[in-house]
C-alpha atoms as a PDB file:
ATOM      1  CA  MET A   1       0.001   0.043   0.054  1.00  0.00           C
ATOM      2  CA  GLU A   2       1.483   3.225  -0.956  1.00  0.00           C
ATOM      3  CA  PRO A   3       1.564   6.092   1.434  1.00  0.00           C
ATOM      4  CA  ALA A   4      -0.726   8.951   1.002  1.00  0.00           C
ATOM      5  CA  ALA A   5       0.238  12.046  -0.564  1.00  0.00           C
ATOM      6  CA  LEU A   6      -1.182  15.724  -0.593  1.00  0.00           C
ATOM      7  CA  GLY A   7      -2.807  16.837  -3.915  1.00  0.00           C
ATOM      8  CA  ASN A   8      -3.869  20.273  -4.333  1.00  0.00           C
ATOM      9  CA  ARG A   9      -5.988  22.753  -6.585  1.00  0.00           C
ATOM     10  CA  LEU A  10      -3.963  25.668  -5.842  1.00  0.00           C
ATOM     11  CA  LYS A  11      -3.217  26.630  -9.229  1.00  0.00           C
ATOM     12  CA  VAL A  12      -6.579  26.712 -10.301  1.00  0.00           C
ATOM     13  CA  ALA A  13      -7.824  28.559  -7.381  1.00  0.00           C
ATOM     14  CA  ARG A  14      -5.137  31.251  -7.893  1.00  0.00           C
ATOM     15  CA  ALA A  15      -6.045  31.624 -11.468  1.00  0.00           C
ATOM     16  CA  GLU A  16      -9.644  32.009 -10.641  1.00  0.00           C
ATOM     17  CA  ARG A  17      -8.587  35.006  -8.316  1.00  0.00           C
ATOM     18  CA  GLY A  18      -6.443  36.474 -11.245  1.00  0.00           C
ATOM     19  CA  LEU A  19      -3.268  36.158  -8.975  1.00  0.00           C
ATOM     20  CA  SER A  20       0.171  35.435 -10.163  1.00  0.00           C
ATOM     21  CA  GLN A  21       2.500  33.046  -7.972  1.00  0.00           C
ATOM     22  CA  GLY A  22       4.362  36.108  -6.761  1.00  0.00           C
ATOM     23  CA  GLN A  23       1.321  37.969  -5.825  1.00  0.00           C
ATOM     24  CA  LEU A  24      -0.118  34.998  -3.864  1.00  0.00           C
ATOM     25  CA  ALA A  25       3.227  34.423  -2.147  1.00  0.00           C
ATOM     26  CA  GLN A  26       3.310  38.053  -1.026  1.00  0.00           C
ATOM     27  CA  LEU A  27      -0.121  38.031   0.487  1.00  0.00           C
ATOM     28  CA  ALA A  28       0.784  34.705   2.356  1.00  0.00           C
ATOM     29  CA  GLY A  29       4.291  35.835   3.418  1.00  0.00           C
ATOM     30  CA  VAL A  30       6.196  33.246   1.720  1.00  0.00           C
ATOM     31  CA  THR A  31       8.463  33.170  -1.460  1.00  0.00           C
ATOM     32  CA  ARG A  32       7.196  32.524  -5.098  1.00  0.00           C
ATOM     33  CA  GLN A  33       9.207  29.283  -5.025  1.00  0.00           C
ATOM     34  CA  THR A  34       7.263  28.012  -2.098  1.00  0.00           C
ATOM     35  CA  ILE A  35       3.848  28.684  -4.021  1.00  0.00           C
ATOM     36  CA  SER A  36       5.429  26.858  -7.041  1.00  0.00           C
ATOM     37  CA  SER A  37       6.587  23.954  -5.051  1.00  0.00           C
ATOM     38  CA  ILE A  38       3.088  23.395  -3.535  1.00  0.00           C
ATOM     39  CA  GLU A  39       1.329  23.726  -6.689  1.00  0.00           C
ATOM     40  CA  THR A  40       3.841  21.033  -8.216  1.00  0.00           C
ATOM     41  CA  GLY A  41       3.412  18.888  -5.228  1.00  0.00           C
ATOM     42  CA  GLN A  42       6.925  18.996  -4.179  1.00  0.00           C
ATOM     43  CA  TYR A  43       6.183  20.599  -0.829  1.00  0.00           C
ATOM     44  CA  GLY A  44       3.370  19.849   1.325  1.00  0.00           C
ATOM     45  CA  PRO A  45       2.252  23.237   3.310  1.00  0.00           C
ATOM     46  CA  SER A  46       2.019  23.378   7.097  1.00  0.00           C
ATOM     47  CA  ALA A  47      -1.606  23.736   8.292  1.00  0.00           C
ATOM     48  CA  LEU A  48      -1.246  27.384   9.141  1.00  0.00           C
ATOM     49  CA  LEU A  49       0.052  27.954   5.563  1.00  0.00           C
ATOM     50  CA  ALA A  50      -2.730  25.899   4.120  1.00  0.00           C
ATOM     51  CA  PHE A  51      -5.224  28.170   6.100  1.00  0.00           C
ATOM     52  CA  VAL A  52      -3.629  31.351   5.122  1.00  0.00           C
ATOM     53  CA  LEU A  53      -3.671  30.255   1.286  1.00  0.00           C
ATOM     54  CA  ALA A  54      -7.376  29.412   1.682  1.00  0.00           C
ATOM     55  CA  LYS A  55      -8.375  32.641   3.366  1.00  0.00           C
ATOM     56  CA  HIS A  56      -6.607  34.650   0.469  1.00  0.00           C
ATOM     57  CA  LEU A  57      -8.035  32.456  -2.114  1.00  0.00           C
ATOM     58  CA  VAL A  58     -11.631  32.697  -0.585  1.00  0.00           C
ATOM     59  CA  LYS A  59     -11.714  28.810  -0.351  1.00  0.00           C
ATOM     60  CA  ARG A  60     -11.945  26.333   2.319  1.00  0.00           C
ATOM     61  CA  VAL A  61      -8.859  24.361   3.016  1.00  0.00           C
ATOM     62  CA  ASP A  62     -10.572  21.047   1.825  1.00  0.00           C
ATOM     63  CA  GLU A  63     -11.325  22.730  -1.453  1.00  0.00           C
ATOM     64  CA  LEU A  64      -7.560  23.459  -2.059  1.00  0.00           C
ATOM     65  CA  PHE A  65      -5.888  20.385  -0.656  1.00  0.00           C
ATOM     66  CA  PHE A  66      -6.771  16.618  -0.717  1.00  0.00           C
ATOM     67  CA  LEU A  67      -5.377  13.276  -0.150  1.00  0.00           C
ATOM     68  CA  THR A  68      -4.603  11.517  -3.392  1.00  0.00           C
ATOM     69  CA  GLY A  69      -7.036   8.961  -4.315  1.00  0.00           C
ATOM     70  CA  GLU A  70      -9.830  10.768  -2.448  1.00  0.00           C
ATOM     71  CA  ARG A  71     -10.485  13.470  -5.030  1.00  0.00           C
ATOM     72  CA  PRO A  72     -14.083  13.656  -6.066  1.00  0.00           C
END
């Protein structure tokens, strides 16, 4: 059985708000590289960062992040 992995819809949600990676990073207090790494699945954000991103994207955390294999 493979370990669970964190998937995300961050890029889509960011595009819906018309934000660049740099703009979202600035709002969230992280680097553009952090946003890029989250979007590509190379980095899983802390719970705090996930909530901050959700707030700025006007989404619930579970609308942005999911466990792979559980996506509807």
